[in-house]
Amino acid sequence: MLVPLAGIDATFNSEIVDKGELPALLLLISFGATFGITRFVTHSIRSERFPWLGNIEAGDTHIHHLVWGICLLLVSGLLAVAVQPPLSVTAVVFGIGAALTLDEFALWLHLDDVYWSEQGRQSIDAVIVFAIVSGFMVLGVYPISFDDSGPGLVGAISLAISLAIGWTFVIVCFLKGKLILGVLGLYVPPIAMVTAFRLARPSSWWARRRYGEDKLERSRERFRGEETIAKPDVAGTALK
């Protein structure tokens, strides 16, 4: 039993610690744990599972957990600049703050408390995107890598063409309403290439601007059962 554990420890040290990826791993763990706990608490409050658990309020004002998340993000920034503690400490504080903040991402977008509505599902998308990016950071993988380019001008041109093609597919994914697959495509280009040629979501920019009635109906049929989330009118809404 000790041999496998020793092997895991050696692999962890060589692949994570020695490569400087430990802060990114701690960020991802703290982010995921905080998001899970936050969702459990909010669902428990909504279902009144625990009588002693409730919203935090100041008078008649409900204080969203978004507020605590913003405070922690500010604290992590101040710590990094002024105190410069171990990077792992800053990463954990940032991860907790990011989870609390992104869990109410839809509130930023709509300037309205839409946590339990269909628009509130956009917060889940934001959390998944952040988790994907953080996960690839732990693996030491980034959307742009200059190590893969060849030497000299030819290598630079080759890299530029490769990035232009890859990012074009990713942008098409975004325009077709495939945010999560588009982000994955930044790291695994074939995903973006395949997704870019597939049918757009009926509520997406691509479908609204480029599809005729027949193709739009095909899109509605393909994504039937998935609620359409309307584009927010930010100028016409106010924070409740």
C-alpha atoms as a PDB file:
ATOM      1  CA  MET A   1       0.000   0.000   0.000  1.00  0.00           C
ATOM      2  CA  LEU A   2       2.921   2.312   0.751  1.00  0.00           C
ATOM      3  CA  VAL A   3       4.394   1.887  -2.733  1.00  0.00           C
ATOM      4  CA  PRO A   4       1.352   3.280  -4.618  1.00  0.00           C
ATOM      5  CA  LEU A   5       1.091   6.164  -2.147  1.00  0.00           C
ATOM      6  CA  ALA A   6       4.777   6.913  -2.580  1.00  0.00           C
ATOM      7  CA  GLY A   7       4.305   6.843  -6.338  1.00  0.00           C
ATOM      8  CA  ILE A   8       1.351   9.226  -6.141  1.00  0.00           C
ATOM      9  CA  ASP A   9       3.339  11.576  -3.913  1.00  0.00           C
ATOM     10  CA  ALA A  10       6.308  11.529  -6.286  1.00  0.00           C
ATOM     11  CA  THR A  11       4.063  12.160  -9.288  1.00  0.00           C
ATOM     12  CA  PHE A  12       2.279  14.997  -7.483  1.00  0.00           C
ATOM     13  CA  ASN A  13       5.576  16.662  -6.585  1.00  0.00           C
ATOM     14  CA  SER A  14       7.074  16.290 -10.056  1.00  0.00           C
ATOM     15  CA  GLU A  15       3.991  17.208 -12.099  1.00  0.00           C
ATOM     16  CA  ILE A  16       2.320  19.800  -9.870  1.00  0.00           C
ATOM     17  CA  VAL A  17       4.653  21.226  -7.221  1.00  0.00           C
ATOM     18  CA  ASP A  18       7.913  21.292  -9.182  1.00  0.00           C
ATOM     19  CA  LYS A  19       6.196  22.786 -12.229  1.00  0.00           C
ATOM     20  CA  GLY A  20       4.675  25.593 -10.146  1.00  0.00           C
ATOM     21  CA  GLU A  21       1.079  24.481 -10.715  1.00  0.00           C
ATOM     22  CA  LEU A  22       0.168  24.036  -7.019  1.00  0.00           C
ATOM     23  CA  PRO A  23      -1.433  27.513  -6.669  1.00  0.00           C
ATOM     24  CA  ALA A  24      -3.625  26.821  -9.714  1.00  0.00           C
ATOM     25  CA  LEU A  25      -4.664  23.466  -8.239  1.00  0.00           C
ATOM     26  CA  LEU A  26      -5.521  25.037  -4.880  1.00  0.00           C
ATOM     27  CA  LEU A  27      -7.486  27.751  -6.689  1.00  0.00           C
ATOM     28  CA  LEU A  28      -9.485  25.109  -8.572  1.00  0.00           C
ATOM     29  CA  ILE A  29     -10.151  23.065  -5.422  1.00  0.00           C
ATOM     30  CA  SER A  30     -11.219  26.074  -3.348  1.00  0.00           C
ATOM     31  CA  PHE A  31     -13.386  27.308  -6.229  1.00  0.00           C
ATOM     32  CA  GLY A  32     -15.132  23.966  -6.704  1.00  0.00           C
ATOM     33  CA  ALA A  33     -15.642  23.341  -2.989  1.00  0.00           C
ATOM     34  CA  THR A  34     -17.019  26.836  -2.389  1.00  0.00           C
ATOM     35  CA  PHE A  35     -19.387  26.616  -5.348  1.00  0.00           C
ATOM     36  CA  GLY A  36     -20.685  23.239  -4.178  1.00  0.00           C
ATOM     37  CA  ILE A  37     -21.206  24.451  -0.613  1.00  0.00           C
ATOM     38  CA  THR A  38     -22.856  27.661  -1.835  1.00  0.00           C
ATOM     39  CA  ARG A  39     -25.332  25.789  -4.028  1.00  0.00           C
ATOM     40  CA  PHE A  40     -26.126  23.419  -1.158  1.00  0.00           C
ATOM     41  CA  VAL A  41     -26.770  26.351   1.178  1.00  0.00           C
ATOM     42  CA  THR A  42     -28.932  28.300  -1.293  1.00  0.00           C
ATOM     43  CA  HIS A  43     -31.033  25.242  -2.135  1.00  0.00           C
ATOM     44  CA  SER A  44     -31.379  24.453   1.572  1.00  0.00           C
ATOM     45  CA  ILE A  45     -32.587  27.989   2.280  1.00  0.00           C
ATOM     46  CA  ARG A  46     -35.068  27.843  -0.600  1.00  0.00           C
ATOM     47  CA  SER A  47     -36.472  24.482   0.509  1.00  0.00           C
ATOM     48  CA  GLU A  48     -36.357  25.488   4.200  1.00  0.00           C
ATOM     49  CA  ARG A  49     -34.461  22.296   4.964  1.00  0.00           C
ATOM     50  CA  PHE A  50     -32.804  23.785   8.035  1.00  0.00           C
ATOM     51  CA  PRO A  51     -34.924  26.218  10.103  1.00  0.00           C
ATOM     52  CA  TRP A  52     -31.841  27.982  11.450  1.00  0.00           C
ATOM     53  CA  LEU A  53     -30.406  28.673   7.985  1.00  0.00           C
ATOM     54  CA  GLY A  54     -31.504  31.840   6.198  1.00  0.00           C
ATOM     55  CA  ASN A  55     -30.486  34.818   4.090  1.00  0.00           C
ATOM     56  CA  ILE A  56     -28.149  37.482   5.417  1.00  0.00           C
ATOM     57  CA  GLU A  57     -29.945  40.811   5.593  1.00  0.00           C
ATOM     58  CA  ALA A  58     -29.178  44.335   6.746  1.00  0.00           C
ATOM     59  CA  GLY A  59     -32.538  45.826   7.600  1.00  0.00           C
ATOM     60  CA  ASP A  60     -34.694  45.321   4.521  1.00  0.00           C
ATOM     61  CA  THR A  61     -31.694  44.741   2.258  1.00  0.00           C
ATOM     62  CA  HIS A  62     -30.802  41.195   1.247  1.00  0.00           C
ATOM     63  CA  ILE A  63     -27.019  40.881   0.999  1.00  0.00           C
ATOM     64  CA  HIS A  64     -26.209  38.556  -1.889  1.00  0.00           C
ATOM     65  CA  HIS A  65     -23.226  36.224  -1.544  1.00  0.00           C
ATOM     66  CA  LEU A  66     -21.921  38.029  -4.613  1.00  0.00           C
ATOM     67  CA  VAL A  67     -20.982  40.867  -2.221  1.00  0.00           C
ATOM     68  CA  TRP A  68     -18.809  38.610  -0.080  1.00  0.00           C
ATOM     69  CA  GLY A  69     -17.200  37.249  -3.217  1.00  0.00           C
ATOM     70  CA  ILE A  70     -16.285  40.718  -4.453  1.00  0.00           C
ATOM     71  CA  CYS A  71     -14.816  41.555  -1.044  1.00  0.00           C
ATOM     72  CA  LEU A  72     -12.654  38.422  -1.118  1.00  0.00           C
ATOM     73  CA  LEU A  73     -11.479  39.192  -4.657  1.00  0.00           C
ATOM     74  CA  LEU A  74     -10.438  42.662  -3.487  1.00  0.00           C
ATOM     75  CA  VAL A  75      -8.707  41.176  -0.441  1.00  0.00           C
ATOM     76  CA  SER A  76      -6.787  38.685  -2.588  1.00  0.00           C
ATOM     77  CA  GLY A  77      -5.631  41.512  -4.847  1.00  0.00           C
ATOM     78  CA  LEU A  78      -4.529  43.674  -1.920  1.00  0.00           C
ATOM     79  CA  LEU A  79      -2.719  40.727  -0.340  1.00  0.00           C
ATOM     80  CA  ALA A  80      -0.897  39.958  -3.577  1.00  0.00           C
ATOM     81  CA  VAL A  81       0.236  43.571  -4.039  1.00  0.00           C
ATOM     82  CA  ALA A  82       0.863  44.831  -0.506  1.00  0.00           C
ATOM     83  CA  VAL A  83       1.610  41.811   1.682  1.00  0.00           C
ATOM     84  CA  GLN A  84       2.804  39.299  -0.917  1.00  0.00           C
ATOM     85  CA  PRO A  85       1.975  36.157   1.081  1.00  0.00           C
ATOM     86  CA  PRO A  86       2.686  32.696  -0.375  1.00  0.00           C
ATOM     87  CA  LEU A  87       0.975  32.462  -3.748  1.00  0.00           C
ATOM     88  CA  SER A  88      -0.998  29.442  -2.571  1.00  0.00           C
ATOM     89  CA  VAL A  89      -2.725  31.554   0.102  1.00  0.00           C
ATOM     90  CA  THR A  90      -3.722  34.200  -2.428  1.00  0.00           C
ATOM     91  CA  ALA A  91      -4.950  31.493  -4.806  1.00  0.00           C
ATOM     92  CA  VAL A  92      -7.258  29.980  -2.178  1.00  0.00           C
ATOM     93  CA  VAL A  93      -8.745  33.364  -1.223  1.00  0.00           C
ATOM     94  CA  PHE A  94      -9.212  34.229  -4.895  1.00  0.00           C
ATOM     95  CA  GLY A  95     -10.834  30.854  -5.637  1.00  0.00           C
ATOM     96  CA  ILE A  96     -13.366  31.284  -2.827  1.00  0.00           C
ATOM     97  CA  GLY A  97     -14.178  34.833  -3.934  1.00  0.00           C
ATOM     98  CA  ALA A  98     -14.493  33.817  -7.586  1.00  0.00           C
ATOM     99  CA  ALA A  99     -16.947  31.028  -6.726  1.00  0.00           C
ATOM    100  CA  LEU A 100     -19.168  33.290  -4.632  1.00  0.00           C
ATOM    101  CA  THR A 101     -19.111  35.942  -7.336  1.00  0.00           C
ATOM    102  CA  LEU A 102     -19.619  33.761 -10.409  1.00  0.00           C
ATOM    103  CA  ASP A 103     -22.451  31.860  -8.727  1.00  0.00           C
ATOM    104  CA  GLU A 104     -24.427  35.074  -9.223  1.00  0.00           C
ATOM    105  CA  PHE A 105     -22.968  35.933 -12.619  1.00  0.00           C
ATOM    106  CA  ALA A 106     -26.478  36.321 -14.047  1.00  0.00           C
ATOM    107  CA  LEU A 107     -27.044  39.124 -11.545  1.00  0.00           C
ATOM    108  CA  TRP A 108     -24.148  41.062 -13.081  1.00  0.00           C
ATOM    109  CA  LEU A 109     -25.495  40.482 -16.563  1.00  0.00           C
ATOM    110  CA  HIS A 110     -29.163  41.278 -16.016  1.00  0.00           C
ATOM    111  CA  LEU A 111     -28.838  43.721 -13.113  1.00  0.00           C
ATOM    112  CA  ASP A 112     -31.706  41.787 -11.560  1.00  0.00           C
ATOM    113  CA  ASP A 113     -32.087  38.944  -9.072  1.00  0.00           C
ATOM    114  CA  VAL A 114     -32.654  36.072 -11.523  1.00  0.00           C
ATOM    115  CA  TYR A 115     -30.919  33.358  -9.475  1.00  0.00           C
ATOM    116  CA  TRP A 116     -33.845  30.914  -9.621  1.00  0.00           C
ATOM    117  CA  SER A 117     -35.066  31.819 -13.114  1.00  0.00           C
ATOM    118  CA  GLU A 118     -33.998  30.454 -16.509  1.00  0.00           C
ATOM    119  CA  GLN A 119     -31.598  33.390 -16.886  1.00  0.00           C
ATOM    120  CA  GLY A 120     -29.927  32.229 -13.700  1.00  0.00           C
ATOM    121  CA  ARG A 121     -28.596  29.209 -15.583  1.00  0.00           C
ATOM    122  CA  GLN A 122     -26.075  31.568 -17.157  1.00  0.00           C
ATOM    123  CA  SER A 123     -24.277  31.566 -13.808  1.00  0.00           C
ATOM    124  CA  ILE A 124     -23.729  27.818 -14.203  1.00  0.00           C
ATOM    125  CA  ASP A 125     -22.203  28.426 -17.642  1.00  0.00           C
ATOM    126  CA  ALA A 126     -19.847  31.025 -16.169  1.00  0.00           C
ATOM    127  CA  VAL A 127     -18.786  28.630 -13.408  1.00  0.00           C
ATOM    128  CA  ILE A 128     -18.142  25.820 -15.903  1.00  0.00           C
ATOM    129  CA  VAL A 129     -16.060  28.129 -18.113  1.00  0.00           C
ATOM    130  CA  PHE A 130     -13.967  29.257 -15.135  1.00  0.00           C
ATOM    131  CA  ALA A 131     -13.492  25.638 -14.034  1.00  0.00           C
ATOM    132  CA  ILE A 132     -12.379  24.610 -17.532  1.00  0.00           C
ATOM    133  CA  VAL A 133      -9.812  27.407 -17.738  1.00  0.00           C
ATOM    134  CA  SER A 134      -8.551  26.693 -14.209  1.00  0.00           C
ATOM    135  CA  GLY A 135      -8.354  22.969 -14.904  1.00  0.00           C
ATOM    136  CA  PHE A 136      -6.223  23.452 -17.987  1.00  0.00           C
ATOM    137  CA  MET A 137      -4.017  25.864 -16.017  1.00  0.00           C
ATOM    138  CA  VAL A 138      -3.357  23.067 -13.518  1.00  0.00           C
ATOM    139  CA  LEU A 139      -2.280  20.902 -16.453  1.00  0.00           C
ATOM    140  CA  GLY A 140      -0.048  23.712 -17.694  1.00  0.00           C
ATOM    141  CA  VAL A 141      -2.061  24.109 -20.899  1.00  0.00           C
ATOM    142  CA  TYR A 142      -2.911  27.570 -22.264  1.00  0.00           C
ATOM    143  CA  PRO A 143      -4.875  28.751 -25.326  1.00  0.00           C
ATOM    144  CA  ILE A 144      -1.784  30.352 -26.853  1.00  0.00           C
ATOM    145  CA  SER A 145       1.584  28.610 -26.712  1.00  0.00           C
ATOM    146  CA  PHE A 146       4.625  30.073 -28.425  1.00  0.00           C
ATOM    147  CA  ASP A 147       6.650  26.945 -27.718  1.00  0.00           C
ATOM    148  CA  ASP A 148       4.975  25.125 -30.598  1.00  0.00           C
ATOM    149  CA  SER A 149       6.046  27.662 -33.213  1.00  0.00           C
ATOM    150  CA  GLY A 150       9.072  27.066 -35.375  1.00  0.00           C
ATOM    151  CA  PRO A 151      12.102  29.357 -35.453  1.00  0.00           C
ATOM    152  CA  GLY A 152      12.256  32.639 -37.299  1.00  0.00           C
ATOM    153  CA  LEU A 153       9.741  34.386 -39.526  1.00  0.00           C
ATOM    154  CA  VAL A 154       8.302  31.190 -40.977  1.00  0.00           C
ATOM    155  CA  GLY A 155       7.485  29.907 -37.493  1.00  0.00           C
ATOM    156  CA  ALA A 156       5.851  33.208 -36.528  1.00  0.00           C
ATOM    157  CA  ILE A 157       3.715  33.245 -39.677  1.00  0.00           C
ATOM    158  CA  SER A 158       2.728  29.610 -39.167  1.00  0.00           C
ATOM    159  CA  LEU A 159       1.697  30.332 -35.574  1.00  0.00           C
ATOM    160  CA  ALA A 160      -0.308  33.409 -36.623  1.00  0.00           C
ATOM    161  CA  ILE A 161      -2.195  31.454 -39.300  1.00  0.00           C
ATOM    162  CA  SER A 162      -2.883  28.590 -36.897  1.00  0.00           C
ATOM    163  CA  LEU A 163      -4.202  30.967 -34.231  1.00  0.00           C
ATOM    164  CA  ALA A 164      -6.346  32.867 -36.740  1.00  0.00           C
ATOM    165  CA  ILE A 165      -7.995  29.672 -37.992  1.00  0.00           C
ATOM    166  CA  GLY A 166      -8.462  28.223 -34.511  1.00  0.00           C
ATOM    167  CA  TRP A 167      -9.886  31.393 -32.995  1.00  0.00           C
ATOM    168  CA  THR A 168     -12.211  31.868 -35.976  1.00  0.00           C
ATOM    169  CA  PHE A 169     -13.829  28.515 -35.206  1.00  0.00           C
ATOM    170  CA  VAL A 170     -14.036  29.441 -31.522  1.00  0.00           C
ATOM    171  CA  ILE A 171     -15.739  32.767 -32.289  1.00  0.00           C
ATOM    172  CA  VAL A 172     -18.246  30.977 -34.526  1.00  0.00           C
ATOM    173  CA  CYS A 173     -18.994  28.637 -31.607  1.00  0.00           C
ATOM    174  CA  PHE A 174     -19.668  31.636 -29.371  1.00  0.00           C
ATOM    175  CA  LEU A 175     -21.900  33.263 -31.994  1.00  0.00           C
ATOM    176  CA  LYS A 176     -23.839  30.008 -32.291  1.00  0.00           C
ATOM    177  CA  GLY A 177     -24.511  29.997 -28.565  1.00  0.00           C
ATOM    178  CA  LYS A 178     -22.048  27.177 -27.773  1.00  0.00           C
ATOM    179  CA  LEU A 179     -20.050  28.974 -25.075  1.00  0.00           C
ATOM    180  CA  ILE A 180     -18.736  25.969 -23.155  1.00  0.00           C
ATOM    181  CA  LEU A 181     -17.767  24.010 -26.270  1.00  0.00           C
ATOM    182  CA  GLY A 182     -16.125  27.150 -27.645  1.00  0.00           C
ATOM    183  CA  VAL A 183     -13.979  27.519 -24.543  1.00  0.00           C
ATOM    184  CA  LEU A 184     -13.037  23.837 -24.721  1.00  0.00           C
ATOM    185  CA  GLY A 185     -12.134  24.455 -28.350  1.00  0.00           C
ATOM    186  CA  LEU A 186      -9.501  26.964 -27.254  1.00  0.00           C
ATOM    187  CA  TYR A 187      -7.584  24.044 -25.781  1.00  0.00           C
ATOM    188  CA  VAL A 188      -8.753  21.195 -28.033  1.00  0.00           C
ATOM    189  CA  PRO A 189      -9.179  22.766 -31.515  1.00  0.00           C
ATOM    190  CA  PRO A 190     -11.056  19.817 -33.105  1.00  0.00           C
ATOM    191  CA  ILE A 191     -13.933  20.444 -30.675  1.00  0.00           C
ATOM    192  CA  ALA A 192     -14.309  24.006 -31.972  1.00  0.00           C
ATOM    193  CA  MET A 193     -14.018  22.870 -35.589  1.00  0.00           C
ATOM    194  CA  VAL A 194     -16.803  20.295 -35.254  1.00  0.00           C
ATOM    195  CA  THR A 195     -19.044  22.570 -33.166  1.00  0.00           C
ATOM    196  CA  ALA A 196     -18.664  25.468 -35.611  1.00  0.00           C
ATOM    197  CA  PHE A 197     -20.308  23.415 -38.367  1.00  0.00           C
ATOM    198  CA  ARG A 198     -23.202  22.204 -36.240  1.00  0.00           C
ATOM    199  CA  LEU A 199     -26.626  23.804 -35.879  1.00  0.00           C
ATOM    200  CA  ALA A 200     -26.747  27.008 -33.820  1.00  0.00           C
ATOM    201  CA  ARG A 201     -29.021  27.466 -30.840  1.00  0.00           C
ATOM    202  CA  PRO A 202     -32.248  29.261 -31.851  1.00  0.00           C
ATOM    203  CA  SER A 203     -31.619  32.118 -29.408  1.00  0.00           C
ATOM    204  CA  SER A 204     -28.046  32.723 -30.617  1.00  0.00           C
ATOM    205  CA  TRP A 205     -26.822  35.667 -32.687  1.00  0.00           C
ATOM    206  CA  TRP A 206     -25.970  33.311 -35.547  1.00  0.00           C
ATOM    207  CA  ALA A 207     -29.462  31.831 -35.751  1.00  0.00           C
ATOM    208  CA  ARG A 208     -31.230  35.182 -35.485  1.00  0.00           C
ATOM    209  CA  ARG A 209     -29.087  36.872 -38.147  1.00  0.00           C
ATOM    210  CA  ARG A 210     -28.244  34.091 -40.585  1.00  0.00           C
ATOM    211  CA  TYR A 211     -31.002  31.472 -40.483  1.00  0.00           C
ATOM    212  CA  GLY A 212     -34.119  31.503 -42.603  1.00  0.00           C
ATOM    213  CA  GLU A 213     -37.412  30.320 -41.168  1.00  0.00           C
ATOM    214  CA  ASP A 214     -36.868  26.684 -42.220  1.00  0.00           C
ATOM    215  CA  LYS A 215     -33.431  26.382 -40.652  1.00  0.00           C
ATOM    216  CA  LEU A 216     -34.536  28.309 -37.582  1.00  0.00           C
ATOM    217  CA  GLU A 217     -37.373  25.822 -37.143  1.00  0.00           C
ATOM    218  CA  ARG A 218     -34.864  22.967 -37.415  1.00  0.00           C
ATOM    219  CA  SER A 219     -32.844  24.639 -34.692  1.00  0.00           C
ATOM    220  CA  ARG A 220     -35.889  25.004 -32.451  1.00  0.00           C
ATOM    221  CA  GLU A 221     -36.707  21.336 -32.996  1.00  0.00           C
ATOM    222  CA  ARG A 222     -33.120  20.297 -32.294  1.00  0.00           C
ATOM    223  CA  PHE A 223     -32.979  22.232 -29.021  1.00  0.00           C
ATOM    224  CA  ARG A 224     -36.560  21.627 -27.991  1.00  0.00           C
ATOM    225  CA  GLY A 225     -36.790  21.279 -24.222  1.00  0.00           C
ATOM    226  CA  GLU A 226     -33.974  23.737 -23.631  1.00  0.00           C
ATOM    227  CA  GLU A 227     -35.415  27.045 -22.504  1.00  0.00           C
ATOM    228  CA  THR A 228     -34.531  30.078 -24.583  1.00  0.00           C
ATOM    229  CA  ILE A 229     -32.741  32.712 -22.576  1.00  0.00           C
ATOM    230  CA  ALA A 230     -33.489  36.168 -23.894  1.00  0.00           C
ATOM    231  CA  LYS A 231     -30.725  38.654 -24.429  1.00  0.00           C
ATOM    232  CA  PRO A 232     -30.705  41.055 -21.463  1.00  0.00           C
ATOM    233  CA  ASP A 233     -31.683  44.679 -21.915  1.00  0.00           C
ATOM    234  CA  VAL A 234     -29.051  46.070 -19.556  1.00  0.00           C
ATOM    235  CA  ALA A 235     -29.912  49.696 -20.239  1.00  0.00           C
ATOM    236  CA  GLY A 236     -33.523  49.174 -19.297  1.00  0.00           C
ATOM    237  CA  THR A 237     -33.066  47.253 -16.065  1.00  0.00           C
ATOM    238  CA  ALA A 238     -32.153  48.335 -12.583  1.00  0.00           C
ATOM    239  CA  LEU A 239     -30.676  46.480  -9.643  1.00  0.00           C
ATOM    240  CA  LYS A 240     -33.377  45.442  -7.258  1.00  0.00           C
END
